[in-house]
Amino acid sequence: MLNKIQLIGRVGADPELRFTTDGTAVAQFNLATTKSWKKNGEKQEKTTWHKIIAWRKLAEIIGQYVHKGSLIYVEGKMQSREYDGKDGTTKKVTEIVLNDMKMLGGKSEGGSSSSSSRPSSSQRSQDDDTFVPEEDDIPM
């Protein structure tokens, strides 16, 4: 079976970089993708938000170089899971676990330098990686 997601979009807020108890880096952020079309001569748009998770070196790169508004390409797999919320209820979340990310765009992103000076990374994540976000981190 194939489980591969490829998206190009803008980062909704600065990524949150955390470390597990054993020191493994994990980055979490939301990515907006927008579809545009014309209906009766008027431009229409629909934005979809995607919850993104990255691990290890890729997470560290994201934490250093990716910021709110950054235009990026991401590639990974879709993962759905459940966890117990602070209120004791079971929460369900669907997220994209990255194995590749490329910076797109240039100076329009907060005055930063061009994408040629930014790294691209291809860091494979393992199937057994699990990140349980705090309840406040889940947009719903």
N, C-alpha and C. Protein backbone atom coordinates (compact mmCIF):
# COMPACT_ATOMS: atom_id res chain seq x y z
N MET A 1 0.83 -1.19 0.00
CA MET A 1 0.00 0.00 0.00
C MET A 1 0.87 1.25 0.00
N LEU A 2 0.38 2.27 -0.63
CA LEU A 2 1.10 3.54 -0.70
C LEU A 2 0.48 4.54 0.25
N ASN A 3 1.28 5.16 1.06
CA ASN A 3 0.84 6.22 1.96
C ASN A 3 1.86 7.35 1.82
N LYS A 4 1.62 8.24 0.86
CA LYS A 4 2.57 9.31 0.57
C LYS A 4 1.80 10.60 0.36
N ILE A 5 2.17 11.63 1.09
CA ILE A 5 1.55 12.94 1.00
C ILE A 5 2.61 13.94 0.54
N GLN A 6 2.27 14.78 -0.44
CA GLN A 6 3.13 15.86 -0.90
C GLN A 6 2.30 17.14 -0.87
N LEU A 7 2.81 18.16 -0.19
CA LEU A 7 2.09 19.43 -0.08
C LEU A 7 3.04 20.59 -0.28
N ILE A 8 2.52 21.67 -0.84
CA ILE A 8 3.20 22.96 -0.86
C ILE A 8 2.25 23.94 -0.21
N GLY A 9 2.73 24.63 0.82
CA GLY A 9 1.87 25.56 1.51
C GLY A 9 2.66 26.50 2.39
N ARG A 10 1.91 27.31 3.14
CA ARG A 10 2.51 28.28 4.06
C ARG A 10 2.31 27.84 5.50
N VAL A 11 3.34 28.08 6.30
CA VAL A 11 3.33 27.72 7.72
C VAL A 11 2.46 28.73 8.47
N GLY A 12 1.55 28.23 9.30
CA GLY A 12 0.59 29.09 9.99
C GLY A 12 1.15 29.82 11.19
N ALA A 13 2.13 29.28 11.85
CA ALA A 13 2.78 29.89 13.03
C ALA A 13 4.17 29.28 13.15
N ASP A 14 5.04 29.95 13.89
CA ASP A 14 6.38 29.39 14.08
C ASP A 14 6.27 27.96 14.62
N PRO A 15 7.03 27.03 14.05
CA PRO A 15 6.99 25.65 14.53
C PRO A 15 7.40 25.56 16.00
N GLU A 16 6.82 24.59 16.67
CA GLU A 16 7.16 24.33 18.06
C GLU A 16 8.16 23.18 18.08
N LEU A 17 9.35 23.43 18.60
CA LEU A 17 10.40 22.41 18.68
C LEU A 17 10.49 21.94 20.12
N ARG A 18 10.36 20.64 20.31
CA ARG A 18 10.47 20.03 21.64
C ARG A 18 11.44 18.87 21.56
N PHE A 19 11.77 18.34 22.73
CA PHE A 19 12.66 17.19 22.80
C PHE A 19 12.03 16.15 23.71
N THR A 20 12.08 14.88 23.29
CA THR A 20 11.57 13.80 24.12
C THR A 20 12.51 13.61 25.30
N THR A 21 12.12 12.76 26.23
CA THR A 21 12.95 12.53 27.42
C THR A 21 14.32 11.96 27.07
N ASP A 22 14.42 11.26 25.93
CA ASP A 22 15.73 10.73 25.53
C ASP A 22 16.49 11.69 24.62
N GLY A 23 15.97 12.91 24.43
CA GLY A 23 16.69 13.94 23.68
C GLY A 23 16.38 13.99 22.19
N THR A 24 15.41 13.22 21.73
CA THR A 24 15.04 13.23 20.31
C THR A 24 14.23 14.48 20.00
N ALA A 25 14.64 15.21 18.96
CA ALA A 25 13.94 16.43 18.56
C ALA A 25 12.64 16.09 17.84
N VAL A 26 11.59 16.87 18.12
CA VAL A 26 10.31 16.73 17.42
C VAL A 26 9.76 18.14 17.19
N ALA A 27 9.39 18.43 15.94
CA ALA A 27 8.82 19.73 15.59
C ALA A 27 7.38 19.52 15.17
N GLN A 28 6.55 20.49 15.53
CA GLN A 28 5.13 20.43 15.20
C GLN A 28 4.67 21.79 14.70
N PHE A 29 3.90 21.80 13.61
CA PHE A 29 3.36 23.05 13.09
C PHE A 29 2.18 22.74 12.18
N ASN A 30 1.43 23.79 11.82
CA ASN A 30 0.31 23.65 10.90
C ASN A 30 0.70 24.28 9.56
N LEU A 31 0.28 23.63 8.48
CA LEU A 31 0.57 24.08 7.13
C LEU A 31 -0.75 24.34 6.41
N ALA A 32 -0.86 25.50 5.77
CA ALA A 32 -2.06 25.86 5.01
C ALA A 32 -1.83 25.63 3.53
N THR A 33 -2.76 24.92 2.90
CA THR A 33 -2.76 24.79 1.44
C THR A 33 -4.06 25.43 0.95
N THR A 34 -3.96 26.15 -0.16
CA THR A 34 -5.12 26.86 -0.67
C THR A 34 -5.41 26.46 -2.11
N LYS A 35 -6.67 26.16 -2.36
CA LYS A 35 -7.14 25.82 -3.71
C LYS A 35 -7.92 27.02 -4.22
N SER A 36 -7.64 27.43 -5.45
CA SER A 36 -8.33 28.58 -6.07
C SER A 36 -9.04 28.13 -7.34
N TRP A 37 -10.20 28.72 -7.60
CA TRP A 37 -10.94 28.46 -8.81
C TRP A 37 -11.88 29.64 -9.08
N LYS A 38 -12.43 29.65 -10.28
CA LYS A 38 -13.38 30.71 -10.63
C LYS A 38 -14.78 30.11 -10.72
N LYS A 39 -15.72 30.83 -10.14
CA LYS A 39 -17.13 30.44 -10.20
C LYS A 39 -17.92 31.68 -10.60
N ASN A 40 -18.61 31.60 -11.71
CA ASN A 40 -19.36 32.74 -12.25
C ASN A 40 -18.47 33.97 -12.39
N GLY A 41 -17.21 33.76 -12.80
CA GLY A 41 -16.29 34.86 -13.03
C GLY A 41 -15.62 35.40 -11.78
N GLU A 42 -16.01 34.89 -10.60
CA GLU A 42 -15.40 35.36 -9.35
C GLU A 42 -14.41 34.33 -8.82
N LYS A 43 -13.30 34.84 -8.32
CA LYS A 43 -12.29 33.96 -7.75
C LYS A 43 -12.78 33.41 -6.41
N GLN A 44 -12.69 32.10 -6.26
CA GLN A 44 -13.06 31.41 -5.03
C GLN A 44 -11.79 30.78 -4.44
N GLU A 45 -11.74 30.65 -3.14
CA GLU A 45 -10.60 30.01 -2.48
C GLU A 45 -11.09 29.14 -1.33
N LYS A 46 -10.36 28.06 -1.12
CA LYS A 46 -10.61 27.22 0.05
C LYS A 46 -9.26 26.84 0.64
N THR A 47 -9.08 27.13 1.92
CA THR A 47 -7.83 26.80 2.60
C THR A 47 -8.04 25.59 3.50
N THR A 48 -7.11 24.65 3.43
CA THR A 48 -7.12 23.46 4.28
C THR A 48 -5.88 23.50 5.15
N TRP A 49 -6.05 23.21 6.44
CA TRP A 49 -4.94 23.19 7.40
C TRP A 49 -4.53 21.75 7.66
N HIS A 50 -3.21 21.53 7.68
CA HIS A 50 -2.65 20.20 7.89
C HIS A 50 -1.73 20.24 9.11
N LYS A 51 -1.88 19.27 9.99
CA LYS A 51 -1.02 19.16 11.17
C LYS A 51 0.22 18.38 10.75
N ILE A 52 1.39 18.98 10.97
CA ILE A 52 2.67 18.42 10.51
C ILE A 52 3.56 18.08 11.70
N ILE A 53 4.20 16.91 11.64
CA ILE A 53 5.15 16.46 12.68
C ILE A 53 6.45 16.05 11.98
N ALA A 54 7.58 16.47 12.54
CA ALA A 54 8.89 16.05 12.03
C ALA A 54 9.76 15.61 13.20
N TRP A 55 10.64 14.68 12.94
CA TRP A 55 11.49 14.10 13.98
C TRP A 55 12.97 14.30 13.68
N ARG A 56 13.77 14.19 14.70
CA ARG A 56 15.23 14.16 14.66
C ARG A 56 15.84 15.38 13.95
N LYS A 57 16.81 15.15 13.07
CA LYS A 57 17.53 16.24 12.42
C LYS A 57 16.60 17.13 11.60
N LEU A 58 15.62 16.53 10.93
CA LEU A 58 14.66 17.31 10.16
C LEU A 58 13.89 18.25 11.08
N ALA A 59 13.54 17.81 12.27
CA ALA A 59 12.86 18.66 13.24
C ALA A 59 13.75 19.83 13.66
N GLU A 60 15.03 19.56 13.87
CA GLU A 60 15.96 20.62 14.26
C GLU A 60 16.11 21.66 13.14
N ILE A 61 16.17 21.21 11.90
CA ILE A 61 16.28 22.12 10.76
C ILE A 61 15.02 22.99 10.67
N ILE A 62 13.88 22.37 10.82
CA ILE A 62 12.61 23.11 10.79
C ILE A 62 12.57 24.14 11.91
N GLY A 63 12.98 23.74 13.10
CA GLY A 63 12.99 24.66 14.23
C GLY A 63 13.88 25.87 14.01
N GLN A 64 14.95 25.69 13.24
CA GLN A 64 15.90 26.78 13.00
C GLN A 64 15.51 27.67 11.81
N TYR A 65 14.99 27.08 10.73
CA TYR A 65 14.82 27.82 9.48
C TYR A 65 13.38 28.12 9.08
N VAL A 66 12.41 27.39 9.60
CA VAL A 66 11.02 27.57 9.18
C VAL A 66 10.31 28.50 10.16
N HIS A 67 9.57 29.46 9.62
CA HIS A 67 8.87 30.44 10.44
C HIS A 67 7.46 30.66 9.90
N LYS A 68 6.66 31.36 10.65
CA LYS A 68 5.31 31.71 10.22
C LYS A 68 5.38 32.37 8.84
N GLY A 69 4.54 31.89 7.92
CA GLY A 69 4.51 32.46 6.58
C GLY A 69 5.46 31.82 5.60
N SER A 70 6.40 30.98 6.06
CA SER A 70 7.34 30.32 5.15
C SER A 70 6.59 29.47 4.14
N LEU A 71 7.01 29.54 2.89
CA LEU A 71 6.48 28.69 1.84
C LEU A 71 7.39 27.47 1.75
N ILE A 72 6.80 26.29 1.97
CA ILE A 72 7.61 25.07 1.99
C ILE A 72 6.92 23.93 1.24
N TYR A 73 7.74 23.00 0.80
CA TYR A 73 7.28 21.73 0.24
C TYR A 73 7.52 20.68 1.31
N VAL A 74 6.54 19.84 1.59
CA VAL A 74 6.71 18.76 2.54
C VAL A 74 6.27 17.45 1.91
N GLU A 75 6.91 16.38 2.35
CA GLU A 75 6.57 15.05 1.90
C GLU A 75 6.60 14.12 3.10
N GLY A 76 5.61 13.28 3.21
CA GLY A 76 5.57 12.35 4.33
C GLY A 76 4.42 11.38 4.20
N LYS A 77 4.01 10.85 5.35
CA LYS A 77 2.91 9.88 5.36
C LYS A 77 1.82 10.37 6.31
N MET A 78 0.58 10.03 5.98
CA MET A 78 -0.54 10.38 6.83
C MET A 78 -0.65 9.34 7.94
N GLN A 79 -0.90 9.84 9.14
CA GLN A 79 -1.00 8.96 10.31
C GLN A 79 -2.17 9.43 11.17
N SER A 80 -3.03 8.51 11.55
CA SER A 80 -4.11 8.82 12.48
C SER A 80 -3.87 8.05 13.76
N ARG A 81 -4.18 8.67 14.88
CA ARG A 81 -3.97 8.01 16.17
C ARG A 81 -4.91 8.59 17.21
N GLU A 82 -4.98 7.92 18.32
CA GLU A 82 -5.79 8.37 19.46
C GLU A 82 -4.89 8.53 20.67
N TYR A 83 -5.29 9.44 21.55
CA TYR A 83 -4.60 9.61 22.81
C TYR A 83 -5.60 10.13 23.83
N ASP A 84 -5.23 10.02 25.11
CA ASP A 84 -6.10 10.48 26.18
C ASP A 84 -5.81 11.94 26.47
N GLY A 85 -6.83 12.79 26.39
CA GLY A 85 -6.70 14.21 26.66
C GLY A 85 -6.62 14.47 28.16
N LYS A 86 -6.29 15.70 28.51
CA LYS A 86 -6.19 16.08 29.92
C LYS A 86 -7.50 15.90 30.66
N ASP A 87 -8.61 16.01 29.92
CA ASP A 87 -9.93 15.86 30.55
C ASP A 87 -10.37 14.40 30.64
N GLY A 88 -9.51 13.47 30.22
CA GLY A 88 -9.80 12.05 30.33
C GLY A 88 -10.53 11.47 29.13
N THR A 89 -10.89 12.29 28.15
CA THR A 89 -11.56 11.78 26.96
C THR A 89 -10.53 11.36 25.92
N THR A 90 -10.96 10.46 25.07
CA THR A 90 -10.09 10.00 23.99
C THR A 90 -10.15 10.99 22.84
N LYS A 91 -9.00 11.44 22.40
CA LYS A 91 -8.89 12.40 21.29
C LYS A 91 -8.36 11.67 20.07
N LYS A 92 -8.83 12.08 18.90
CA LYS A 92 -8.35 11.53 17.64
C LYS A 92 -7.67 12.64 16.86
N VAL A 93 -6.55 12.32 16.24
CA VAL A 93 -5.81 13.31 15.47
C VAL A 93 -5.25 12.63 14.21
N THR A 94 -5.29 13.38 13.11
CA THR A 94 -4.67 12.94 11.86
C THR A 94 -3.57 13.95 11.55
N GLU A 95 -2.39 13.44 11.27
CA GLU A 95 -1.24 14.31 11.04
C GLU A 95 -0.39 13.74 9.93
N ILE A 96 0.52 14.57 9.44
CA ILE A 96 1.46 14.15 8.42
C ILE A 96 2.84 14.09 9.05
N VAL A 97 3.43 12.90 9.04
CA VAL A 97 4.77 12.70 9.59
C VAL A 97 5.76 12.84 8.44
N LEU A 98 6.62 13.85 8.54
CA LEU A 98 7.51 14.20 7.43
C LEU A 98 8.71 13.28 7.30
N ASN A 99 9.12 13.10 6.04
CA ASN A 99 10.42 12.50 5.78
C ASN A 99 11.24 13.39 4.85
N ASP A 100 10.63 14.50 4.36
CA ASP A 100 11.37 15.43 3.52
C ASP A 100 10.71 16.81 3.60
N MET A 101 11.54 17.85 3.48
CA MET A 101 11.05 19.22 3.50
C MET A 101 12.02 20.06 2.67
N LYS A 102 11.46 20.97 1.88
CA LYS A 102 12.29 21.89 1.10
C LYS A 102 11.73 23.29 1.29
N MET A 103 12.64 24.24 1.50
CA MET A 103 12.26 25.64 1.60
C MET A 103 12.02 26.18 0.20
N LEU A 104 10.94 26.91 0.01
CA LEU A 104 10.63 27.57 -1.24
C LEU A 104 10.55 29.06 -0.98
N GLY A 105 10.51 29.87 -2.01
CA GLY A 105 10.38 31.31 -1.79
C GLY A 105 11.71 31.93 -1.42
N GLY A 106 11.65 33.21 -1.07
CA GLY A 106 12.89 33.92 -0.78
C GLY A 106 12.67 35.06 0.15
N LYS A 107 13.09 36.25 -0.25
CA LYS A 107 13.10 37.42 0.62
C LYS A 107 11.73 37.84 1.11
N SER A 108 10.67 37.41 0.45
CA SER A 108 9.32 37.78 0.89
C SER A 108 8.96 37.15 2.23
N GLU A 109 9.76 36.21 2.69
CA GLU A 109 9.50 35.53 3.95
C GLU A 109 10.23 36.22 5.09
N GLY A 110 9.70 37.33 5.53
CA GLY A 110 10.25 38.00 6.69
C GLY A 110 11.63 38.57 6.50
N GLY A 111 12.03 38.88 5.28
CA GLY A 111 13.32 39.50 5.04
C GLY A 111 14.48 38.54 5.12
N SER A 112 14.22 37.26 5.09
CA SER A 112 15.31 36.30 5.17
C SER A 112 15.97 36.15 3.82
N SER A 113 17.10 35.49 3.79
CA SER A 113 17.85 35.34 2.55
C SER A 113 17.17 34.34 1.64
N SER A 114 17.68 34.20 0.44
CA SER A 114 17.06 33.34 -0.55
C SER A 114 17.13 31.87 -0.12
N SER A 115 16.28 31.08 -0.76
CA SER A 115 16.19 29.67 -0.38
C SER A 115 17.47 28.90 -0.69
N SER A 116 18.34 29.43 -1.56
CA SER A 116 19.56 28.70 -1.88
C SER A 116 20.49 28.58 -0.68
N SER A 117 20.35 29.46 0.30
CA SER A 117 21.19 29.36 1.49
C SER A 117 20.55 28.54 2.59
N ARG A 118 19.34 28.08 2.35
CA ARG A 118 18.63 27.29 3.34
C ARG A 118 18.79 25.82 3.02
N PRO A 119 18.77 24.99 4.04
CA PRO A 119 18.96 23.56 3.80
C PRO A 119 17.68 22.92 3.31
N SER A 120 17.82 21.84 2.55
CA SER A 120 16.72 20.93 2.34
C SER A 120 17.16 19.64 2.99
N SER A 121 16.22 18.85 3.43
CA SER A 121 16.60 17.68 4.18
C SER A 121 15.75 16.50 3.78
N SER A 122 16.33 15.35 3.88
CA SER A 122 15.61 14.12 3.63
C SER A 122 15.92 13.19 4.79
N GLN A 123 15.11 13.25 5.81
CA GLN A 123 15.34 12.49 7.04
C GLN A 123 14.18 11.53 7.22
N ARG A 124 14.40 10.27 7.12
CA ARG A 124 13.34 9.27 7.28
C ARG A 124 12.92 9.17 8.74
N SER A 125 11.61 9.10 8.95
CA SER A 125 11.10 8.88 10.30
C SER A 125 10.76 7.41 10.44
N GLN A 126 10.73 6.93 11.65
CA GLN A 126 10.43 5.54 11.90
C GLN A 126 8.96 5.37 12.22
N ASP A 127 8.41 4.21 11.85
CA ASP A 127 6.98 3.96 12.05
C ASP A 127 6.58 3.96 13.51
N ASP A 128 7.51 3.69 14.42
CA ASP A 128 7.15 3.59 15.83
C ASP A 128 7.21 4.94 16.56
N ASP A 129 7.53 6.03 15.86
CA ASP A 129 7.58 7.34 16.49
C ASP A 129 6.17 7.80 16.84
N THR A 130 5.98 8.21 18.07
CA THR A 130 4.68 8.70 18.50
C THR A 130 4.90 9.97 19.29
N PHE A 131 4.16 11.00 18.94
CA PHE A 131 4.23 12.28 19.63
C PHE A 131 2.83 12.58 20.13
N VAL A 132 2.70 12.79 21.41
CA VAL A 132 1.41 13.12 21.99
C VAL A 132 1.40 14.60 22.31
N PRO A 133 0.66 15.40 21.52
CA PRO A 133 0.65 16.85 21.77
C PRO A 133 -0.18 17.17 22.99
N GLU A 134 0.11 18.31 23.56
CA GLU A 134 -0.72 18.78 24.64
C GLU A 134 -2.07 19.16 24.06
N GLU A 135 -3.10 19.10 24.88
CA GLU A 135 -4.47 19.32 24.40
C GLU A 135 -4.62 20.66 23.71
N ASP A 136 -3.93 21.68 24.19
CA ASP A 136 -4.04 23.02 23.61
C ASP A 136 -3.46 23.07 22.20
N ASP A 137 -2.62 22.08 21.84
CA ASP A 137 -1.94 22.08 20.56
C ASP A 137 -2.82 21.57 19.42
N ILE A 138 -3.98 21.03 19.74
CA ILE A 138 -4.80 20.41 18.72
C ILE A 138 -5.87 21.39 18.25
N PRO A 139 -5.79 21.79 16.99
CA PRO A 139 -6.79 22.74 16.48
C PRO A 139 -8.10 22.03 16.17
N MET A 140 -9.16 22.40 16.83
CA MET A 140 -10.49 21.83 16.57
C MET A 140 -11.56 22.72 17.11
